[in-house]
Amino acid sequence: MNKMMTRTKQIAYTGIFTAIIAVMSQLAIPMPSGVPATLQTLAIAITGLLLGIKAGTLSVCLYITIGTIGIPVFSGLRSGFGTLFGVTGGFIFGFIPFVLLCAAAKNVKNRIAAIAICIAGLLTCHLCGIIQFMIITGKPFIQTALTVSLPYLLKDIVSCILAYIISVKLSKVIAVE
């Protein structure tokens, strides 16, 4: 495939996956902590695993950028700096290392190792979320982790596993990078 076609595919997939992340962000269940349960982690993991480092990271950064400038793509149709620097914003910032690690797992042949790398990215995302929530609310680390991370971990780990399975199937028809 020539270089122009590859570049065009990267741009198209970047936009498509940015939209997928935005849609999956709206599939949210409000929680008492203020951090909703969403399918964002599934979308971010699939984005990294399918698109790789360049297009995957660009897709997530584009999602964050359009949400920050006011397009309501964050969960609950929220947007703006208030969301990015609010109690859930740390998770949004954490999507960047999460997608990077999922993208790094893209070419790992051992499926257990690839999933473990994705989960390491997920844990990094959770840590970013815990830290920002903790700073904003003034709550201690353990209490924050028990409130905004632990209740979501099983769902998010399953999301990483599903993302890997889905990406293996889709990688036969979607080739980026």
N, C-alpha and C. Protein backbone atom coordinates (compact mmCIF):
# COMPACT_ATOMS: atom_id res chain seq x y z
N MET A 1 0.85 -1.17 0.00
CA MET A 1 0.00 0.00 0.00
C MET A 1 0.90 1.24 0.00
N ASN A 2 0.54 2.22 -0.83
CA ASN A 2 1.40 3.39 -0.90
C ASN A 2 1.27 4.26 0.35
N LYS A 3 2.23 5.17 0.50
CA LYS A 3 2.32 6.00 1.70
C LYS A 3 1.10 6.91 1.87
N MET A 4 0.58 7.45 0.77
CA MET A 4 -0.58 8.34 0.83
C MET A 4 -1.81 7.58 1.33
N MET A 5 -2.02 6.38 0.86
CA MET A 5 -3.16 5.57 1.30
C MET A 5 -3.03 5.23 2.78
N THR A 6 -1.84 4.89 3.23
CA THR A 6 -1.61 4.58 4.64
C THR A 6 -1.93 5.80 5.50
N ARG A 7 -1.47 6.96 5.07
CA ARG A 7 -1.71 8.21 5.81
C ARG A 7 -3.22 8.52 5.86
N THR A 8 -3.89 8.33 4.76
CA THR A 8 -5.34 8.57 4.70
C THR A 8 -6.07 7.62 5.65
N LYS A 9 -5.67 6.36 5.68
CA LYS A 9 -6.27 5.39 6.60
C LYS A 9 -6.03 5.79 8.05
N GLN A 10 -4.82 6.24 8.37
CA GLN A 10 -4.51 6.67 9.73
C GLN A 10 -5.42 7.82 10.15
N ILE A 11 -5.58 8.80 9.28
CA ILE A 11 -6.43 9.95 9.59
C ILE A 11 -7.87 9.50 9.79
N ALA A 12 -8.36 8.65 8.90
CA ALA A 12 -9.75 8.16 9.01
C ALA A 12 -9.95 7.37 10.30
N TYR A 13 -9.06 6.44 10.59
CA TYR A 13 -9.20 5.64 11.79
C TYR A 13 -9.06 6.48 13.06
N THR A 14 -8.20 7.48 13.02
CA THR A 14 -8.05 8.38 14.17
C THR A 14 -9.38 9.06 14.46
N GLY A 15 -10.02 9.58 13.44
CA GLY A 15 -11.33 10.22 13.62
C GLY A 15 -12.40 9.25 14.07
N ILE A 16 -12.43 8.10 13.45
CA ILE A 16 -13.44 7.08 13.80
C ILE A 16 -13.30 6.66 15.26
N PHE A 17 -12.07 6.40 15.69
CA PHE A 17 -11.88 5.95 17.06
C PHE A 17 -12.07 7.07 18.08
N THR A 18 -11.81 8.31 17.68
CA THR A 18 -12.14 9.43 18.55
C THR A 18 -13.65 9.46 18.79
N ALA A 19 -14.41 9.26 17.73
CA ALA A 19 -15.88 9.21 17.84
C ALA A 19 -16.34 8.03 18.68
N ILE A 20 -15.69 6.88 18.51
CA ILE A 20 -16.05 5.69 19.30
C ILE A 20 -15.83 5.96 20.79
N ILE A 21 -14.70 6.58 21.13
CA ILE A 21 -14.42 6.91 22.53
C ILE A 21 -15.51 7.85 23.06
N ALA A 22 -15.87 8.85 22.27
CA ALA A 22 -16.90 9.81 22.69
C ALA A 22 -18.24 9.12 22.94
N VAL A 23 -18.61 8.21 22.06
CA VAL A 23 -19.89 7.49 22.21
C VAL A 23 -19.83 6.57 23.43
N MET A 24 -18.75 5.83 23.57
CA MET A 24 -18.62 4.90 24.70
C MET A 24 -18.57 5.65 26.03
N SER A 25 -18.16 6.91 26.00
CA SER A 25 -18.14 7.73 27.21
C SER A 25 -19.54 8.04 27.69
N GLN A 26 -20.49 8.06 26.78
CA GLN A 26 -21.87 8.40 27.13
C GLN A 26 -22.63 7.21 27.71
N LEU A 27 -22.10 6.02 27.51
CA LEU A 27 -22.70 4.83 28.11
C LEU A 27 -22.23 4.77 29.56
N ALA A 28 -22.88 5.56 30.40
CA ALA A 28 -22.41 5.78 31.76
C ALA A 28 -23.49 5.49 32.79
N ILE A 29 -23.04 4.95 33.91
CA ILE A 29 -23.92 4.73 35.06
C ILE A 29 -23.42 5.65 36.17
N PRO A 30 -24.22 6.61 36.59
CA PRO A 30 -23.79 7.50 37.68
C PRO A 30 -23.51 6.71 38.95
N MET A 31 -22.49 7.13 39.67
CA MET A 31 -22.13 6.46 40.91
C MET A 31 -22.06 7.50 42.03
N PRO A 32 -22.23 7.08 43.28
CA PRO A 32 -22.22 8.02 44.41
C PRO A 32 -20.93 8.83 44.54
N SER A 33 -19.83 8.27 44.08
CA SER A 33 -18.54 8.96 44.20
C SER A 33 -18.42 10.17 43.27
N GLY A 34 -19.29 10.24 42.25
CA GLY A 34 -19.17 11.28 41.24
C GLY A 34 -18.39 10.82 40.04
N VAL A 35 -17.80 9.64 40.12
CA VAL A 35 -17.07 9.06 39.00
C VAL A 35 -17.98 7.99 38.39
N PRO A 36 -18.50 8.23 37.18
CA PRO A 36 -19.45 7.27 36.59
C PRO A 36 -18.75 6.00 36.09
N ALA A 37 -19.50 4.92 36.04
CA ALA A 37 -19.00 3.70 35.41
C ALA A 37 -19.32 3.82 33.92
N THR A 38 -18.29 3.77 33.09
CA THR A 38 -18.47 3.94 31.64
C THR A 38 -17.78 2.82 30.89
N LEU A 39 -17.92 2.87 29.57
CA LEU A 39 -17.20 1.94 28.70
C LEU A 39 -15.98 2.61 28.06
N GLN A 40 -15.54 3.73 28.64
CA GLN A 40 -14.37 4.43 28.11
C GLN A 40 -13.13 3.55 28.12
N THR A 41 -12.95 2.78 29.19
CA THR A 41 -11.74 1.96 29.27
C THR A 41 -11.71 0.93 28.15
N LEU A 42 -12.85 0.37 27.83
CA LEU A 42 -12.92 -0.57 26.70
C LEU A 42 -12.53 0.14 25.41
N ALA A 43 -13.08 1.34 25.19
CA ALA A 43 -12.79 2.10 23.97
C ALA A 43 -11.32 2.50 23.89
N ILE A 44 -10.75 2.95 24.99
CA ILE A 44 -9.34 3.37 25.00
C ILE A 44 -8.44 2.18 24.71
N ALA A 45 -8.70 1.05 25.36
CA ALA A 45 -7.87 -0.14 25.16
C ALA A 45 -7.94 -0.63 23.71
N ILE A 46 -9.14 -0.68 23.15
CA ILE A 46 -9.28 -1.10 21.75
C ILE A 46 -8.54 -0.14 20.83
N THR A 47 -8.67 1.16 21.11
CA THR A 47 -7.99 2.17 20.30
C THR A 47 -6.48 1.93 20.28
N GLY A 48 -5.89 1.73 21.44
CA GLY A 48 -4.45 1.49 21.49
C GLY A 48 -4.05 0.19 20.83
N LEU A 49 -4.79 -0.87 21.12
CA LEU A 49 -4.46 -2.18 20.57
C LEU A 49 -4.62 -2.26 19.06
N LEU A 50 -5.57 -1.52 18.51
CA LEU A 50 -5.79 -1.56 17.06
C LEU A 50 -4.98 -0.52 16.30
N LEU A 51 -4.94 0.69 16.81
CA LEU A 51 -4.32 1.77 16.05
C LEU A 51 -2.83 1.93 16.30
N GLY A 52 -2.34 1.43 17.42
CA GLY A 52 -0.92 1.58 17.72
C GLY A 52 -0.61 2.92 18.36
N ILE A 53 0.67 3.17 18.56
CA ILE A 53 1.11 4.33 19.34
C ILE A 53 0.73 5.65 18.67
N LYS A 54 1.06 5.83 17.42
CA LYS A 54 0.85 7.13 16.78
C LYS A 54 -0.64 7.46 16.63
N ALA A 55 -1.38 6.67 15.91
CA ALA A 55 -2.79 6.95 15.65
C ALA A 55 -3.63 6.79 16.92
N GLY A 56 -3.31 5.81 17.76
CA GLY A 56 -4.06 5.60 18.99
C GLY A 56 -3.92 6.77 19.95
N THR A 57 -2.69 7.22 20.16
CA THR A 57 -2.46 8.36 21.04
C THR A 57 -3.07 9.63 20.47
N LEU A 58 -2.96 9.81 19.18
CA LEU A 58 -3.56 10.99 18.54
C LEU A 58 -5.07 10.97 18.73
N SER A 59 -5.69 9.82 18.59
CA SER A 59 -7.13 9.69 18.76
C SER A 59 -7.56 10.09 20.18
N VAL A 60 -6.85 9.60 21.18
CA VAL A 60 -7.17 9.94 22.57
C VAL A 60 -6.91 11.42 22.85
N CYS A 61 -5.81 11.94 22.35
CA CYS A 61 -5.52 13.37 22.54
C CYS A 61 -6.55 14.25 21.84
N LEU A 62 -7.01 13.83 20.69
CA LEU A 62 -8.06 14.56 19.99
C LEU A 62 -9.36 14.54 20.81
N TYR A 63 -9.71 13.38 21.36
CA TYR A 63 -10.88 13.26 22.23
C TYR A 63 -10.77 14.25 23.39
N ILE A 64 -9.62 14.26 24.05
CA ILE A 64 -9.42 15.16 25.20
C ILE A 64 -9.49 16.62 24.76
N THR A 65 -8.89 16.92 23.63
CA THR A 65 -8.88 18.30 23.13
C THR A 65 -10.28 18.79 22.79
N ILE A 66 -11.05 17.99 22.06
CA ILE A 66 -12.38 18.47 21.68
C ILE A 66 -13.29 18.57 22.91
N GLY A 67 -13.09 17.71 23.88
CA GLY A 67 -13.85 17.83 25.12
C GLY A 67 -13.47 19.07 25.90
N THR A 68 -12.19 19.39 25.91
CA THR A 68 -11.70 20.54 26.64
C THR A 68 -12.19 21.85 26.03
N ILE A 69 -12.27 21.91 24.71
CA ILE A 69 -12.69 23.17 24.07
C ILE A 69 -14.20 23.36 24.07
N GLY A 70 -14.94 22.40 24.61
CA GLY A 70 -16.37 22.61 24.78
C GLY A 70 -17.31 21.67 24.07
N ILE A 71 -16.80 20.76 23.28
CA ILE A 71 -17.69 19.78 22.64
C ILE A 71 -18.01 18.71 23.70
N PRO A 72 -19.29 18.46 23.97
CA PRO A 72 -19.66 17.59 25.09
C PRO A 72 -19.44 16.09 24.83
N VAL A 73 -18.19 15.68 24.89
CA VAL A 73 -17.84 14.28 24.64
C VAL A 73 -17.46 13.51 25.89
N PHE A 74 -17.20 14.23 26.99
CA PHE A 74 -16.88 13.53 28.23
C PHE A 74 -18.17 12.91 28.78
N SER A 75 -18.05 11.95 29.69
CA SER A 75 -19.24 11.25 30.19
C SER A 75 -20.29 12.23 30.68
N GLY A 76 -21.54 11.86 30.48
CA GLY A 76 -22.64 12.72 30.88
C GLY A 76 -22.77 13.96 30.01
N LEU A 77 -22.22 13.89 28.79
CA LEU A 77 -22.24 15.02 27.85
C LEU A 77 -21.61 16.28 28.46
N ARG A 78 -20.56 16.08 29.24
CA ARG A 78 -19.85 17.20 29.84
C ARG A 78 -18.66 17.58 28.97
N SER A 79 -18.14 18.77 29.23
CA SER A 79 -16.97 19.25 28.49
C SER A 79 -16.31 20.37 29.28
N GLY A 80 -15.21 20.86 28.76
CA GLY A 80 -14.56 22.04 29.31
C GLY A 80 -13.47 21.75 30.32
N PHE A 81 -12.79 22.86 30.68
CA PHE A 81 -11.70 22.78 31.64
C PHE A 81 -12.19 22.34 33.02
N GLY A 82 -13.44 22.70 33.35
CA GLY A 82 -14.00 22.31 34.64
C GLY A 82 -14.05 20.80 34.81
N THR A 83 -14.38 20.11 33.74
CA THR A 83 -14.40 18.64 33.79
C THR A 83 -12.98 18.09 33.83
N LEU A 84 -12.13 18.65 32.98
CA LEU A 84 -10.75 18.15 32.90
C LEU A 84 -10.00 18.33 34.23
N PHE A 85 -10.31 19.42 34.92
CA PHE A 85 -9.63 19.68 36.19
C PHE A 85 -10.53 19.43 37.40
N GLY A 86 -11.63 18.70 37.17
CA GLY A 86 -12.54 18.31 38.24
C GLY A 86 -12.21 16.93 38.78
N VAL A 87 -13.15 16.37 39.52
CA VAL A 87 -12.89 15.09 40.20
C VAL A 87 -12.67 13.92 39.26
N THR A 88 -13.19 13.98 38.03
CA THR A 88 -12.99 12.87 37.09
C THR A 88 -11.85 13.13 36.10
N GLY A 89 -11.31 14.31 36.10
CA GLY A 89 -10.30 14.70 35.12
C GLY A 89 -9.01 13.89 35.16
N GLY A 90 -8.64 13.41 36.32
CA GLY A 90 -7.42 12.60 36.42
C GLY A 90 -7.52 11.33 35.59
N PHE A 91 -8.72 10.77 35.53
CA PHE A 91 -8.92 9.59 34.69
C PHE A 91 -8.77 9.96 33.22
N ILE A 92 -9.28 11.13 32.84
CA ILE A 92 -9.17 11.58 31.45
C ILE A 92 -7.70 11.78 31.10
N PHE A 93 -6.94 12.44 31.97
CA PHE A 93 -5.49 12.57 31.74
C PHE A 93 -4.84 11.19 31.68
N GLY A 94 -5.32 10.26 32.51
CA GLY A 94 -4.77 8.91 32.56
C GLY A 94 -5.01 8.10 31.31
N PHE A 95 -5.93 8.56 30.46
CA PHE A 95 -6.15 7.84 29.19
C PHE A 95 -4.91 7.86 28.31
N ILE A 96 -4.07 8.87 28.47
CA ILE A 96 -2.87 8.96 27.61
C ILE A 96 -1.88 7.83 27.93
N PRO A 97 -1.43 7.66 29.17
CA PRO A 97 -0.54 6.51 29.42
C PRO A 97 -1.25 5.17 29.18
N PHE A 98 -2.57 5.14 29.41
CA PHE A 98 -3.33 3.91 29.19
C PHE A 98 -3.27 3.52 27.72
N VAL A 99 -3.56 4.45 26.82
CA VAL A 99 -3.54 4.13 25.39
C VAL A 99 -2.11 3.80 24.94
N LEU A 100 -1.13 4.49 25.49
CA LEU A 100 0.27 4.21 25.12
C LEU A 100 0.67 2.78 25.48
N LEU A 101 0.29 2.35 26.67
CA LEU A 101 0.65 0.98 27.07
C LEU A 101 -0.16 -0.05 26.28
N CYS A 102 -1.41 0.23 26.00
CA CYS A 102 -2.20 -0.69 25.16
C CYS A 102 -1.58 -0.76 23.76
N ALA A 103 -1.16 0.37 23.24
CA ALA A 103 -0.52 0.39 21.92
C ALA A 103 0.79 -0.39 21.94
N ALA A 104 1.53 -0.28 23.05
CA ALA A 104 2.78 -1.04 23.18
C ALA A 104 2.50 -2.54 23.18
N ALA A 105 1.32 -2.93 23.66
CA ALA A 105 0.94 -4.35 23.71
C ALA A 105 0.49 -4.88 22.36
N LYS A 106 0.27 -3.97 21.42
CA LYS A 106 -0.29 -4.35 20.11
C LYS A 106 0.49 -5.48 19.42
N ASN A 107 1.79 -5.41 19.45
CA ASN A 107 2.61 -6.38 18.73
C ASN A 107 3.23 -7.44 19.63
N VAL A 108 2.78 -7.50 20.88
CA VAL A 108 3.27 -8.52 21.79
C VAL A 108 2.58 -9.84 21.44
N LYS A 109 3.36 -10.85 21.15
CA LYS A 109 2.81 -12.13 20.68
C LYS A 109 2.16 -12.95 21.79
N ASN A 110 2.67 -12.86 22.99
CA ASN A 110 2.11 -13.62 24.11
C ASN A 110 0.87 -12.89 24.63
N ARG A 111 -0.28 -13.53 24.52
CA ARG A 111 -1.55 -12.86 24.86
C ARG A 111 -1.62 -12.47 26.33
N ILE A 112 -1.08 -13.30 27.22
CA ILE A 112 -1.10 -12.98 28.66
C ILE A 112 -0.25 -11.75 28.92
N ALA A 113 0.91 -11.68 28.29
CA ALA A 113 1.78 -10.51 28.45
C ALA A 113 1.11 -9.26 27.88
N ALA A 114 0.46 -9.39 26.72
CA ALA A 114 -0.21 -8.25 26.10
C ALA A 114 -1.33 -7.73 27.00
N ILE A 115 -2.12 -8.62 27.54
CA ILE A 115 -3.21 -8.21 28.44
C ILE A 115 -2.63 -7.60 29.71
N ALA A 116 -1.55 -8.16 30.23
CA ALA A 116 -0.90 -7.61 31.43
C ALA A 116 -0.41 -6.18 31.18
N ILE A 117 0.13 -5.92 30.00
CA ILE A 117 0.58 -4.57 29.66
C ILE A 117 -0.61 -3.62 29.61
N CYS A 118 -1.72 -4.07 29.03
CA CYS A 118 -2.94 -3.25 29.01
C CYS A 118 -3.42 -2.96 30.42
N ILE A 119 -3.39 -3.96 31.28
CA ILE A 119 -3.82 -3.77 32.67
C ILE A 119 -2.88 -2.81 33.39
N ALA A 120 -1.59 -2.88 33.09
CA ALA A 120 -0.65 -1.91 33.67
C ALA A 120 -1.03 -0.48 33.25
N GLY A 121 -1.43 -0.32 32.00
CA GLY A 121 -1.91 0.98 31.53
C GLY A 121 -3.17 1.41 32.26
N LEU A 122 -4.07 0.46 32.46
CA LEU A 122 -5.31 0.73 33.20
C LEU A 122 -5.00 1.18 34.62
N LEU A 123 -4.07 0.50 35.28
CA LEU A 123 -3.72 0.86 36.66
C LEU A 123 -3.08 2.24 36.71
N THR A 124 -2.31 2.59 35.68
CA THR A 124 -1.74 3.93 35.60
C THR A 124 -2.85 4.96 35.47
N CYS A 125 -3.84 4.66 34.64
CA CYS A 125 -5.00 5.54 34.47
C CYS A 125 -5.73 5.72 35.81
N HIS A 126 -5.95 4.62 36.51
CA HIS A 126 -6.62 4.69 37.81
C HIS A 126 -5.80 5.51 38.80
N LEU A 127 -4.48 5.35 38.78
CA LEU A 127 -3.63 6.11 39.69
C LEU A 127 -3.75 7.61 39.41
N CYS A 128 -3.77 7.99 38.14
CA CYS A 128 -3.95 9.40 37.78
C CYS A 128 -5.29 9.90 38.31
N GLY A 129 -6.33 9.08 38.16
CA GLY A 129 -7.65 9.46 38.64
C GLY A 129 -7.70 9.59 40.15
N ILE A 130 -7.07 8.66 40.84
CA ILE A 130 -7.02 8.70 42.31
C ILE A 130 -6.31 9.96 42.78
N ILE A 131 -5.16 10.24 42.19
CA ILE A 131 -4.37 11.40 42.62
C ILE A 131 -5.14 12.70 42.44
N GLN A 132 -5.75 12.90 41.27
CA GLN A 132 -6.47 14.16 41.05
C GLN A 132 -7.70 14.25 41.97
N PHE A 133 -8.43 13.16 42.11
CA PHE A 133 -9.60 13.15 43.00
C PHE A 133 -9.17 13.48 44.43
N MET A 134 -8.06 12.89 44.85
CA MET A 134 -7.53 13.09 46.20
C MET A 134 -7.14 14.55 46.41
N ILE A 135 -6.48 15.15 45.43
CA ILE A 135 -6.05 16.54 45.53
C ILE A 135 -7.28 17.47 45.63
N ILE A 136 -8.26 17.22 44.81
CA ILE A 136 -9.44 18.09 44.77
C ILE A 136 -10.31 17.95 46.02
N THR A 137 -10.50 16.72 46.47
CA THR A 137 -11.39 16.50 47.61
C THR A 137 -10.69 16.57 48.96
N GLY A 138 -9.36 16.44 48.97
CA GLY A 138 -8.62 16.45 50.22
C GLY A 138 -8.72 15.15 51.00
N LYS A 139 -9.27 14.12 50.38
CA LYS A 139 -9.39 12.82 51.05
C LYS A 139 -8.07 12.07 50.96
N PRO A 140 -7.79 11.20 51.94
CA PRO A 140 -6.54 10.43 51.90
C PRO A 140 -6.53 9.40 50.77
N PHE A 141 -5.33 8.97 50.42
CA PHE A 141 -5.13 8.06 49.29
C PHE A 141 -5.97 6.79 49.39
N ILE A 142 -5.89 6.08 50.52
CA ILE A 142 -6.59 4.80 50.66
C ILE A 142 -8.10 5.00 50.53
N GLN A 143 -8.64 5.99 51.18
CA GLN A 143 -10.08 6.25 51.10
C GLN A 143 -10.48 6.58 49.66
N THR A 144 -9.67 7.38 48.99
CA THR A 144 -9.95 7.73 47.60
C THR A 144 -9.89 6.50 46.70
N ALA A 145 -8.85 5.69 46.86
CA ALA A 145 -8.71 4.48 46.05
C ALA A 145 -9.89 3.54 46.26
N LEU A 146 -10.34 3.41 47.48
CA LEU A 146 -11.48 2.53 47.78
C LEU A 146 -12.79 3.09 47.21
N THR A 147 -12.84 4.40 47.02
CA THR A 147 -14.06 5.05 46.53
C THR A 147 -14.11 5.13 45.01
N VAL A 148 -13.00 5.55 44.37
CA VAL A 148 -13.05 5.85 42.93
C VAL A 148 -12.27 4.89 42.04
N SER A 149 -11.63 3.89 42.63
CA SER A 149 -10.88 2.94 41.82
C SER A 149 -11.35 1.51 42.04
N LEU A 150 -11.30 1.05 43.27
CA LEU A 150 -11.61 -0.35 43.56
C LEU A 150 -12.98 -0.80 43.01
N PRO A 151 -14.05 -0.02 43.15
CA PRO A 151 -15.34 -0.48 42.63
C PRO A 151 -15.37 -0.68 41.10
N TYR A 152 -14.42 -0.10 40.40
CA TYR A 152 -14.40 -0.14 38.94
C TYR A 152 -13.38 -1.12 38.38
N LEU A 153 -12.49 -1.61 39.22
CA LEU A 153 -11.37 -2.41 38.74
C LEU A 153 -11.78 -3.68 38.01
N LEU A 154 -12.70 -4.43 38.54
CA LEU A 154 -13.10 -5.68 37.88
C LEU A 154 -13.66 -5.39 36.49
N LYS A 155 -14.58 -4.41 36.41
CA LYS A 155 -15.15 -4.03 35.11
C LYS A 155 -14.05 -3.60 34.14
N ASP A 156 -13.10 -2.83 34.63
CA ASP A 156 -12.04 -2.31 33.77
C ASP A 156 -11.05 -3.39 33.35
N ILE A 157 -10.77 -4.33 34.23
CA ILE A 157 -9.89 -5.44 33.85
C ILE A 157 -10.57 -6.31 32.80
N VAL A 158 -11.86 -6.57 33.00
CA VAL A 158 -12.63 -7.32 31.98
C VAL A 158 -12.62 -6.54 30.66
N SER A 159 -12.71 -5.22 30.73
CA SER A 159 -12.65 -4.39 29.52
C SER A 159 -11.32 -4.58 28.79
N CYS A 160 -10.23 -4.66 29.53
CA CYS A 160 -8.92 -4.88 28.90
C CYS A 160 -8.88 -6.25 28.20
N ILE A 161 -9.41 -7.25 28.85
CA ILE A 161 -9.43 -8.59 28.26
C ILE A 161 -10.30 -8.60 27.00
N LEU A 162 -11.49 -8.02 27.10
CA LEU A 162 -12.39 -7.94 25.94
C LEU A 162 -11.76 -7.13 24.81
N ALA A 163 -11.10 -6.05 25.17
CA ALA A 163 -10.44 -5.21 24.15
C ALA A 163 -9.39 -6.02 23.40
N TYR A 164 -8.64 -6.83 24.13
CA TYR A 164 -7.63 -7.66 23.48
C TYR A 164 -8.29 -8.64 22.51
N ILE A 165 -9.33 -9.31 22.97
CA ILE A 165 -10.04 -10.29 22.12
C ILE A 165 -10.62 -9.61 20.88
N ILE A 166 -11.28 -8.48 21.09
CA ILE A 166 -11.88 -7.74 19.98
C ILE A 166 -10.81 -7.26 19.01
N SER A 167 -9.70 -6.75 19.55
CA SER A 167 -8.65 -6.23 18.67
C SER A 167 -7.99 -7.33 17.84
N VAL A 168 -7.86 -8.53 18.40
CA VAL A 168 -7.30 -9.64 17.64
C VAL A 168 -8.21 -9.95 16.45
N LYS A 169 -9.51 -9.97 16.70
CA LYS A 169 -10.47 -10.24 15.61
C LYS A 169 -10.48 -9.11 14.58
N LEU A 170 -10.53 -7.87 15.05
CA LEU A 170 -10.61 -6.73 14.13
C LEU A 170 -9.30 -6.43 13.40
N SER A 171 -8.19 -6.83 13.98
CA SER A 171 -6.90 -6.54 13.34
C SER A 171 -6.75 -7.24 11.99
N LYS A 172 -7.58 -8.23 11.76
CA LYS A 172 -7.56 -8.91 10.47
C LYS A 172 -8.15 -8.03 9.36
N VAL A 173 -8.99 -7.05 9.75
CA VAL A 173 -9.60 -6.17 8.76
C VAL A 173 -9.15 -4.72 8.88
N ILE A 174 -8.59 -4.35 10.05
CA ILE A 174 -8.10 -2.99 10.25
C ILE A 174 -6.59 -3.05 10.43
N ALA A 175 -5.87 -2.48 9.49
CA ALA A 175 -4.42 -2.46 9.57
C ALA A 175 -3.94 -1.01 9.55
N VAL A 176 -3.43 -0.55 10.69
CA VAL A 176 -2.92 0.81 10.81
C VAL A 176 -1.48 0.72 11.28
N GLU A 177 -0.65 1.65 10.84
CA GLU A 177 0.79 1.79 11.15
C GLU A 177 1.64 0.91 10.30
